[in-house]
C-alpha atoms as a PDB file:
ATOM      1  CA  MET A   1    -167.704  98.394 246.709  1.00  0.00           C
ATOM      2  CA  LYS A   2    -171.247  97.388 245.865  1.00  0.00           C
ATOM      3  CA  TYR A   3    -172.254  97.386 242.206  1.00  0.00           C
ATOM      4  CA  LYS A   4    -175.636  97.678 240.548  1.00  0.00           C
ATOM      5  CA  THR A   5    -175.781  94.694 238.175  1.00  0.00           C
ATOM      6  CA  GLU A   6    -177.373  95.048 234.765  1.00  0.00           C
ATOM      7  CA  GLU A   7    -177.763  92.152 232.331  1.00  0.00           C
ATOM      8  CA  ILE A   8    -177.428  92.896 228.638  1.00  0.00           C
ATOM      9  CA  SER A   9    -178.274  90.487 225.828  1.00  0.00           C
ATOM     10  CA  ILE A  10    -176.423  90.745 222.553  1.00  0.00           C
ATOM     11  CA  SER A  11    -177.362  88.988 219.325  1.00  0.00           C
ATOM     12  CA  THR A  12    -173.834  88.899 217.927  1.00  0.00           C
ATOM     13  CA  GLU A  13    -170.776  86.843 218.911  1.00  0.00           C
ATOM     14  CA  PHE A  14    -169.191  89.834 220.659  1.00  0.00           C
ATOM     15  CA  ILE A  15    -169.456  93.581 221.208  1.00  0.00           C
ATOM     16  CA  LYS A  16    -166.543  95.985 221.581  1.00  0.00           C
ATOM     17  CA  LEU A  17    -166.052  97.431 225.050  1.00  0.00           C
ATOM     18  CA  ASP A  18    -166.655 101.066 224.115  1.00  0.00           C
ATOM     19  CA  SER A  19    -169.769 100.120 222.144  1.00  0.00           C
ATOM     20  CA  LEU A  20    -171.076  98.082 225.067  1.00  0.00           C
ATOM     21  CA  LEU A  21    -170.792 101.031 227.437  1.00  0.00           C
ATOM     22  CA  LYS A  22    -172.796 103.135 224.979  1.00  0.00           C
ATOM     23  CA  PHE A  23    -175.305 100.366 224.135  1.00  0.00           C
ATOM     24  CA  SER A  24    -176.014  99.690 227.810  1.00  0.00           C
ATOM     25  CA  GLY A  25    -176.630 103.369 228.527  1.00  0.00           C
ATOM     26  CA  ALA A  26    -173.756 103.507 231.029  1.00  0.00           C
ATOM     27  CA  VAL A  27    -172.318 106.465 229.083  1.00  0.00           C
ATOM     28  CA  GLU A  28    -173.892 108.904 226.637  1.00  0.00           C
ATOM     29  CA  THR A  29    -171.166 108.991 223.988  1.00  0.00           C
ATOM     30  CA  GLY A  30    -168.330 106.910 222.632  1.00  0.00           C
ATOM     31  CA  GLY A  31    -165.973 109.730 223.573  1.00  0.00           C
ATOM     32  CA  ILE A  32    -166.884 109.402 227.238  1.00  0.00           C
ATOM     33  CA  ALA A  33    -166.452 105.624 227.006  1.00  0.00           C
ATOM     34  CA  LYS A  34    -163.006 106.062 225.430  1.00  0.00           C
ATOM     35  CA  GLU A  35    -161.945 108.501 228.142  1.00  0.00           C
ATOM     36  CA  LEU A  36    -163.097 106.263 231.023  1.00  0.00           C
ATOM     37  CA  ILE A  37    -161.357 103.245 229.485  1.00  0.00           C
ATOM     38  CA  GLN A  38    -158.097 105.171 228.977  1.00  0.00           C
ATOM     39  CA  MET A  39    -158.251 106.414 232.586  1.00  0.00           C
ATOM     40  CA  GLY A  40    -158.413 102.821 233.844  1.00  0.00           C
ATOM     41  CA  LYS A  41    -161.938 103.177 235.250  1.00  0.00           C
ATOM     42  CA  VAL A  42    -163.296 100.071 233.475  1.00  0.00           C
ATOM     43  CA  LYS A  43    -162.671  96.453 234.453  1.00  0.00           C
ATOM     44  CA  VAL A  44    -163.359  93.358 232.364  1.00  0.00           C
ATOM     45  CA  ASN A  45    -163.724  90.186 234.404  1.00  0.00           C
ATOM     46  CA  GLY A  46    -162.117  91.886 237.397  1.00  0.00           C
ATOM     47  CA  GLU A  47    -159.063  93.322 235.601  1.00  0.00           C
ATOM     48  CA  VAL A  48    -158.533  96.905 234.440  1.00  0.00           C
ATOM     49  CA  CYS A  49    -158.863  97.061 230.656  1.00  0.00           C
ATOM     50  CA  LEU A  50    -157.320  99.893 228.647  1.00  0.00           C
ATOM     51  CA  MET A  51    -158.382  98.567 225.222  1.00  0.00           C
ATOM     52  CA  ARG A  52    -161.565 100.223 224.017  1.00  0.00           C
ATOM     53  CA  GLY A  53    -161.861  97.674 221.186  1.00  0.00           C
ATOM     54  CA  LYS A  54    -161.699  94.687 223.564  1.00  0.00           C
ATOM     55  CA  LYS A  55    -164.167  92.027 222.418  1.00  0.00           C
ATOM     56  CA  ILE A  56    -166.743  91.347 225.121  1.00  0.00           C
ATOM     57  CA  ARG A  57    -168.491  87.990 224.815  1.00  0.00           C
ATOM     58  CA  SER A  58    -171.286  86.123 226.556  1.00  0.00           C
ATOM     59  CA  GLY A  59    -170.404  85.504 230.208  1.00  0.00           C
ATOM     60  CA  ASP A  60    -168.038  88.469 230.503  1.00  0.00           C
ATOM     61  CA  ARG A  61    -168.491  90.980 233.319  1.00  0.00           C
ATOM     62  CA  VAL A  62    -167.713  94.658 232.820  1.00  0.00           C
ATOM     63  CA  GLN A  63    -167.431  96.965 235.816  1.00  0.00           C
ATOM     64  CA  LEU A  64    -167.568 100.720 235.527  1.00  0.00           C
ATOM     65  CA  ASP A  65    -166.279 102.072 238.827  1.00  0.00           C
ATOM     66  CA  GLU A  66    -167.475 105.632 238.189  1.00  0.00           C
ATOM     67  CA  LEU A  67    -171.118 104.492 238.222  1.00  0.00           C
ATOM     68  CA  ARG A  68    -170.668 101.386 240.382  1.00  0.00           C
ATOM     69  CA  THR A  69    -172.276  99.451 237.560  1.00  0.00           C
ATOM     70  CA  GLU A  70    -171.574  95.896 236.507  1.00  0.00           C
ATOM     71  CA  ILE A  71    -172.726  94.752 233.083  1.00  0.00           C
ATOM     72  CA  VAL A  72    -173.130  91.011 232.545  1.00  0.00           C
ATOM     73  CA  ILE A  73    -173.384  89.728 228.978  1.00  0.00           C
ATOM     74  CA  LYS A  74    -175.743  86.824 228.441  1.00  0.00           C
END
């Protein structure tokens, strides 16, 4: 599956997974982010992540299969 890669810069040490999906514009609301995470549609560094509060740090890769989007934190 080919992904569209988007690089996001954050000014803090980490960002929570659900907040990242909202911040990046991948989803419109936190509720949608929560639902996609709970359904197993989001991967962090290649592994399905079911924790919406997962701390995402610089160098992490988040894949959202629904939109074929990969978010890279720098």
